[in-house]
Amino acid sequence: MLRSISNRFFYAILVLLNVFAAGSICAQQYRPIATWPDETNVRIEEFLNTTLTVTDRKVAVFDCDGTVFGQAPYYLADEALYDYADKNYKNRKDKESRQKMAILDRMVKDGNNVGKPYVEDRVHFLSGMTPEEIATLGYDCYMRSYKGKMYPEMKALISNLKEYGFEVWILTASPEFLYQRFVASELGIPVTHVLGVKGVVKNGVMSDEIIMPIPQDDGKAQVIPTYIKAVPLIVGGNSRGDMDMLNESRGLKIVVNPDDVTVRGKEDGPMSGHTVKSYWEKEGALIVHCNDIRDKNVSFKTADFKIRTNLENPKK
């Protein structure tokens, strides 16, 4: 008799556990993204539903500028630095000001603001500042010139990913401290999930010593196993520089506003002979659009330094 009661109790507990587990799965519900086509929402939802039974870490990794928020007409990292230089170093003769302006002159002369030497020089420019000062610089620049440029569609997508139990990580070729506060605040993710170009902090201030890998081009792919330590189920990007990172995805690849004008050359490896858009269409990635136009009410200091503008992607 006692054994019979014990068995019935045991099976009752199993039934309750199964009910709770089923309820937990059912609670994960996809919320369609209003401005994206039905077929896009269906594809995302179907993929997310395939992850319901995944028991190990579910990781999604996204590029930052141009992928989760607008980059027209200039990168926020450039605007923050050039504006700060204009207010604090320009036309001054002290040693620090001359050294900082020399770095900017080198950056302007380089002209390639997506190349590794350029993104390293952003860190060199910020050296000597505390992490808090750099975070405040980035946050203030965002609030002043970029507030409202965080793509609502990507925020909605990230909310869906959280609903399905995903860790969301953001990778940027901009200085890490500069982006962490405003990106984490806007997307509701931990600041430690925003990974950028890392400078070594010594005696409370950032030095000009850079920690590898740099999250640019192939370095973005290297950052994933180095710091995130998981193979992502979803990766999102927007440019040629995100190709290696996107190819780290073992599931869904999402490409935002890809260029369909410039045909890539031999130096671009497998993308040679394609535009960014045609390459990812061939590879079966999910192509999505987010509105990215210049706010004509904002004056950008970057313009004074003759840095190239990023293309606009108006709503279609």
Protein backbone atom coordinates (compact mmCIF):
# COMPACT_ATOMS: atom_id res chain seq x y z
CA MET A 1 0.00 0.00 0.00
CA LEU A 2 2.72 2.47 0.99
CA ARG A 3 4.68 1.67 -2.16
CA SER A 4 1.53 2.24 -4.28
CA ILE A 5 0.91 5.64 -2.68
CA SER A 6 4.56 6.54 -3.13
CA ASN A 7 4.47 5.65 -6.83
CA ARG A 8 1.28 7.65 -7.40
CA PHE A 9 2.86 10.67 -5.68
CA PHE A 10 5.99 10.32 -7.81
CA TYR A 11 4.02 10.23 -11.07
CA ALA A 12 1.89 13.17 -9.96
CA ILE A 13 5.03 15.22 -9.47
CA LEU A 14 6.25 14.28 -12.97
CA VAL A 15 2.94 15.37 -14.49
CA LEU A 16 3.14 18.73 -12.71
CA LEU A 17 6.71 19.26 -13.88
CA ASN A 18 5.69 18.53 -17.47
CA VAL A 19 2.78 20.95 -17.20
CA PHE A 20 5.07 23.69 -15.90
CA ALA A 21 7.62 22.99 -18.64
CA ALA A 22 4.96 23.14 -21.33
CA GLY A 23 3.62 26.35 -19.86
CA SER A 24 7.10 27.85 -19.90
CA ILE A 25 7.51 27.02 -23.59
CA CYS A 26 4.08 28.36 -24.49
CA ALA A 27 4.85 31.59 -22.66
CA GLN A 28 7.54 32.33 -25.24
CA GLN A 29 5.51 34.15 -27.84
CA TYR A 30 6.83 36.03 -30.87
CA ARG A 31 5.55 39.59 -31.29
CA PRO A 32 5.53 40.60 -34.99
CA ILE A 33 7.58 43.65 -35.97
CA ALA A 34 5.04 46.02 -37.49
CA THR A 35 7.14 47.67 -40.23
CA TRP A 36 8.68 44.45 -41.55
CA PRO A 37 6.89 42.26 -44.14
CA ASP A 38 4.87 39.25 -43.04
CA GLU A 39 7.32 36.85 -44.66
CA THR A 40 10.16 38.37 -42.62
CA ASN A 41 8.25 37.96 -39.38
CA VAL A 42 7.25 34.41 -40.27
CA ARG A 43 10.85 33.45 -40.98
CA ILE A 44 12.09 34.90 -37.68
CA GLU A 45 9.27 33.31 -35.68
CA GLU A 46 9.77 29.91 -37.28
CA PHE A 47 13.47 30.03 -36.50
CA LEU A 48 12.94 31.13 -32.90
CA ASN A 49 10.47 28.30 -32.38
CA THR A 50 13.16 25.81 -33.44
CA THR A 51 15.25 27.05 -30.49
CA LEU A 52 12.63 26.30 -27.83
CA THR A 53 14.19 22.96 -26.99
CA VAL A 54 17.80 24.22 -26.99
CA THR A 55 19.24 23.61 -23.53
CA ASP A 56 22.68 25.24 -23.83
CA ARG A 57 23.35 28.98 -24.14
CA LYS A 58 21.34 30.76 -26.84
CA VAL A 59 23.44 33.64 -28.11
CA ALA A 60 22.67 36.43 -30.60
CA VAL A 61 25.41 38.81 -31.73
CA PHE A 62 24.88 42.10 -33.56
CA ASP A 63 27.11 44.75 -35.03
CA CYS A 64 26.34 48.21 -33.67
CA ASP A 65 26.52 51.24 -36.04
CA GLY A 66 24.22 50.75 -39.00
CA THR A 67 22.82 47.50 -37.57
CA VAL A 68 21.05 48.45 -34.33
CA PHE A 69 21.09 52.22 -34.77
CA GLY A 70 21.58 54.78 -37.53
CA GLN A 71 24.96 55.82 -38.87
CA ALA A 72 23.89 58.61 -41.25
CA PRO A 73 25.58 60.94 -41.78
CA TYR A 74 28.51 60.06 -39.45
CA TYR A 75 29.56 57.40 -36.97
CA LEU A 76 28.83 58.40 -33.39
CA ALA A 77 32.39 57.50 -32.40
CA ASP A 78 33.74 60.09 -34.83
CA GLU A 79 31.24 62.77 -33.83
CA ALA A 80 32.02 62.30 -30.13
CA LEU A 81 35.78 62.62 -30.68
CA TYR A 82 35.74 65.49 -33.16
CA ASP A 83 33.26 67.47 -31.09
CA TYR A 84 35.36 66.93 -27.95
CA ALA A 85 38.54 67.97 -29.78
CA ASP A 86 36.88 71.11 -31.09
CA LYS A 87 35.78 72.13 -27.59
CA ASN A 88 38.88 71.11 -25.64
CA TYR A 89 42.00 70.97 -27.82
CA LYS A 90 41.59 72.98 -31.02
CA ASN A 91 43.73 76.15 -31.25
CA ARG A 92 45.41 75.46 -27.90
CA LYS A 93 49.19 75.33 -27.55
CA ASP A 94 49.71 73.17 -24.45
CA LYS A 95 51.46 69.80 -24.88
CA GLU A 96 48.37 67.62 -24.37
CA SER A 97 46.28 69.61 -26.86
CA ARG A 98 49.01 69.43 -29.50
CA GLN A 99 49.38 65.67 -28.97
CA LYS A 100 45.65 65.05 -29.22
CA MET A 101 45.25 67.20 -32.32
CA ALA A 102 48.19 65.36 -33.90
CA ILE A 103 46.26 62.11 -33.46
CA LEU A 104 43.19 63.63 -35.11
CA ASP A 105 45.28 65.06 -37.93
CA ARG A 106 46.63 61.56 -38.54
CA MET A 107 43.10 60.15 -38.53
CA VAL A 108 41.85 62.78 -40.96
CA LYS A 109 44.82 62.23 -43.26
CA ASP A 110 44.22 58.47 -43.18
CA GLY A 111 40.62 59.04 -44.29
CA ASN A 112 39.69 55.36 -43.94
CA ASN A 113 37.51 55.55 -40.85
CA VAL A 114 36.71 51.83 -40.93
CA GLY A 115 40.34 50.67 -41.08
CA LYS A 116 42.17 49.19 -38.07
CA PRO A 117 44.76 52.01 -37.75
CA TYR A 118 41.92 54.53 -37.59
CA VAL A 119 39.89 52.66 -34.98
CA GLU A 120 43.06 52.17 -32.91
CA ASP A 121 43.67 55.93 -33.02
CA ARG A 122 40.25 56.54 -31.50
CA VAL A 123 41.48 54.72 -28.40
CA HIS A 124 44.79 56.61 -28.49
CA PHE A 125 42.84 59.88 -28.56
CA LEU A 126 40.82 58.89 -25.49
CA SER A 127 43.81 57.70 -23.48
CA GLY A 128 44.28 59.57 -20.24
CA MET A 129 40.55 59.75 -19.55
CA THR A 130 38.75 57.61 -16.96
CA PRO A 131 36.27 54.96 -18.11
CA GLU A 132 33.51 57.05 -16.53
CA GLU A 133 34.55 60.15 -18.48
CA ILE A 134 34.61 58.20 -21.75
CA ALA A 135 31.22 56.60 -21.05
CA THR A 136 29.75 60.03 -20.30
CA LEU A 137 31.25 61.42 -23.51
CA GLY A 138 29.57 58.71 -25.56
CA TYR A 139 26.25 58.95 -23.72
CA ASP A 140 26.13 62.76 -24.03
CA CYS A 141 26.91 62.56 -27.76
CA TYR A 142 24.11 60.02 -28.21
CA MET A 143 21.59 62.15 -26.34
CA ARG A 144 22.64 65.30 -28.19
CA SER A 145 22.96 64.08 -31.78
CA TYR A 146 21.72 60.48 -32.09
CA LYS A 147 18.74 60.14 -29.75
CA GLY A 148 15.93 58.51 -31.69
CA LYS A 149 18.28 56.81 -34.17
CA MET A 150 18.14 53.45 -32.38
CA TYR A 151 16.14 51.36 -34.84
CA PRO A 152 12.72 50.50 -33.34
CA GLU A 153 12.61 47.31 -35.43
CA MET A 154 15.89 46.09 -33.95
CA LYS A 155 14.78 46.98 -30.43
CA ALA A 156 11.62 44.95 -31.05
CA LEU A 157 13.66 42.06 -32.42
CA ILE A 158 15.95 42.10 -29.38
CA SER A 159 12.90 42.12 -27.10
CA ASN A 160 11.68 39.00 -28.89
CA LEU A 161 15.07 37.35 -28.47
CA LYS A 162 14.99 38.00 -24.74
CA GLU A 163 11.50 36.46 -24.62
CA TYR A 164 13.00 33.31 -26.16
CA GLY A 165 15.85 33.20 -23.65
CA PHE A 166 18.65 34.61 -25.80
CA GLU A 167 21.74 36.39 -24.55
CA VAL A 168 22.15 39.50 -26.72
CA TRP A 169 25.65 40.81 -27.43
CA ILE A 170 26.70 43.91 -29.37
CA LEU A 171 30.06 44.20 -31.16
CA THR A 172 31.50 47.51 -32.29
CA ALA A 173 34.75 48.73 -33.80
CA SER A 174 34.38 51.86 -31.66
CA PRO A 175 36.04 52.27 -28.24
CA GLU A 176 34.26 49.98 -25.80
CA PHE A 177 33.86 52.47 -22.95
CA LEU A 178 32.49 55.07 -25.36
CA TYR A 179 29.56 52.88 -26.44
CA GLN A 180 28.76 50.69 -23.45
CA ARG A 181 26.54 53.01 -21.44
CA PHE A 182 24.17 54.34 -24.10
CA VAL A 183 23.89 51.06 -26.02
CA ALA A 184 23.21 49.00 -22.89
CA SER A 185 20.69 51.57 -21.65
CA GLU A 186 18.76 51.73 -24.93
CA LEU A 187 18.69 47.98 -25.58
CA GLY A 188 18.24 46.82 -21.99
CA ILE A 189 21.29 44.57 -21.95
CA PRO A 190 24.24 44.37 -19.51
CA VAL A 191 27.08 46.81 -20.21
CA THR A 192 29.39 43.78 -20.23
CA HIS A 193 27.54 42.55 -23.34
CA VAL A 194 28.73 45.55 -25.37
CA LEU A 195 32.18 44.69 -26.73
CA GLY A 196 34.33 47.20 -28.56
CA VAL A 197 37.97 48.17 -28.97
CA LYS A 198 39.47 47.64 -25.54
CA GLY A 199 42.10 49.91 -23.98
CA VAL A 200 44.04 48.79 -20.91
CA VAL A 201 43.07 50.75 -17.79
CA LYS A 202 46.06 51.73 -15.65
CA ASN A 203 45.86 53.74 -12.43
CA GLY A 204 42.22 54.53 -13.09
CA VAL A 205 42.62 55.92 -16.61
CA MET A 206 42.64 54.33 -20.05
CA SER A 207 46.06 53.91 -21.58
CA ASP A 208 46.84 53.76 -25.28
CA GLU A 209 47.60 50.04 -24.99
CA ILE A 210 45.04 48.04 -26.95
CA ILE A 211 43.84 44.53 -26.13
CA MET A 212 43.46 42.18 -29.08
CA PRO A 213 41.45 41.15 -30.98
CA ILE A 214 40.08 44.37 -32.42
CA PRO A 215 36.43 43.86 -33.40
CA GLN A 216 36.83 44.97 -37.01
CA ASP A 217 36.62 42.77 -40.12
CA ASP A 218 38.01 39.30 -39.23
CA GLY A 219 38.62 40.56 -35.69
CA LYS A 220 34.87 40.63 -35.09
CA ALA A 221 34.71 36.90 -35.73
CA GLN A 222 37.65 36.38 -33.35
CA VAL A 223 35.96 38.35 -30.55
CA ILE A 224 33.10 35.84 -30.39
CA PRO A 225 35.08 32.78 -29.18
CA THR A 226 37.55 34.98 -27.26
CA TYR A 227 35.03 36.84 -25.09
CA ILE A 228 31.54 35.45 -25.65
CA LYS A 229 32.72 31.83 -25.71
CA ALA A 230 29.72 30.40 -27.53
CA VAL A 231 28.75 29.76 -31.14
CA PRO A 232 25.89 32.19 -31.88
CA LEU A 233 22.54 31.03 -33.21
CA ILE A 234 21.88 34.50 -34.69
CA VAL A 235 24.28 37.11 -36.04
CA GLY A 236 23.33 40.48 -37.51
CA GLY A 237 25.38 43.03 -39.44
CA ASN A 238 25.14 45.57 -42.22
CA SER A 239 28.45 45.97 -44.07
CA ARG A 240 31.37 44.21 -45.72
CA GLY A 241 33.21 44.49 -42.39
CA ASP A 242 30.64 42.18 -40.81
CA MET A 243 31.08 39.30 -43.26
CA ASP A 244 33.41 37.19 -41.10
CA MET A 245 31.26 37.73 -38.02
CA LEU A 246 28.05 36.82 -39.85
CA ASN A 247 29.62 33.59 -41.02
CA GLU A 248 30.06 32.57 -37.35
CA SER A 249 26.29 32.06 -37.08
CA ARG A 250 25.10 28.46 -36.95
CA GLY A 251 21.53 29.56 -37.50
CA LEU A 252 20.02 32.81 -38.75
CA LYS A 253 22.00 35.59 -40.45
CA ILE A 254 20.35 39.03 -40.53
CA VAL A 255 21.66 41.83 -42.75
CA VAL A 256 20.36 45.38 -42.25
CA ASN A 257 20.30 47.93 -45.09
CA PRO A 258 23.03 46.21 -47.13
CA ASP A 259 24.73 48.22 -49.89
CA ASP A 260 23.59 47.25 -53.38
CA VAL A 261 25.77 49.66 -55.38
CA THR A 262 29.45 48.91 -54.77
CA VAL A 263 30.72 45.70 -56.37
CA ARG A 264 33.37 44.26 -54.08
CA GLY A 265 36.85 43.39 -55.36
CA LYS A 266 39.25 40.47 -54.97
CA GLU A 267 40.44 41.80 -51.61
CA ASP A 268 36.96 41.02 -50.27
CA GLY A 269 37.40 37.28 -50.68
CA PRO A 270 34.16 35.36 -51.21
CA MET A 271 32.24 38.63 -51.63
CA SER A 272 34.30 39.49 -54.72
CA GLY A 273 32.07 40.31 -57.71
CA HIS A 274 29.04 40.95 -55.51
CA THR A 275 27.50 43.87 -53.74
CA VAL A 276 26.95 43.27 -50.02
CA LYS A 277 23.25 42.74 -50.70
CA SER A 278 23.64 40.34 -53.63
CA TYR A 279 26.21 38.28 -51.72
CA TRP A 280 23.97 37.78 -48.71
CA GLU A 281 20.93 37.10 -50.87
CA LYS A 282 22.96 34.33 -52.51
CA GLU A 283 23.92 33.01 -49.07
CA GLY A 284 20.32 32.91 -47.87
CA ALA A 285 20.60 35.60 -45.22
CA LEU A 286 17.53 37.50 -44.06
CA ILE A 287 17.64 41.03 -45.53
CA VAL A 288 15.79 43.69 -43.53
CA HIS A 289 15.35 47.46 -43.80
CA CYS A 290 15.45 50.16 -41.13
CA ASN A 291 15.02 53.86 -41.74
CA ASP A 292 18.30 55.78 -41.47
CA ILE A 293 18.32 59.38 -42.65
CA ARG A 294 20.14 62.49 -41.55
CA ASP A 295 18.46 64.70 -38.96
CA LYS A 296 18.74 68.10 -40.59
CA ASN A 297 18.20 69.78 -37.23
CA VAL A 298 21.48 68.39 -35.90
CA SER A 299 24.79 70.08 -36.70
CA PHE A 300 27.65 67.56 -36.84
CA LYS A 301 31.15 68.70 -35.90
CA THR A 302 32.57 65.78 -37.88
CA ALA A 303 31.72 67.71 -41.04
CA ASP A 304 34.35 70.33 -40.19
CA PHE A 305 37.03 67.66 -40.32
CA LYS A 306 36.02 66.53 -43.84
CA ILE A 307 35.30 62.93 -42.84
CA ARG A 308 33.31 61.03 -45.45
CA THR A 309 29.59 60.73 -44.87
CA ASN A 310 27.73 57.44 -44.57
CA LEU A 311 24.95 56.76 -47.04
CA GLU A 312 21.37 57.34 -45.99
CA ASN A 313 18.80 54.54 -46.14
CA PRO A 314 15.40 56.21 -46.27
CA LYS A 315 12.24 54.27 -45.58
CA LYS A 316 11.03 52.45 -48.69
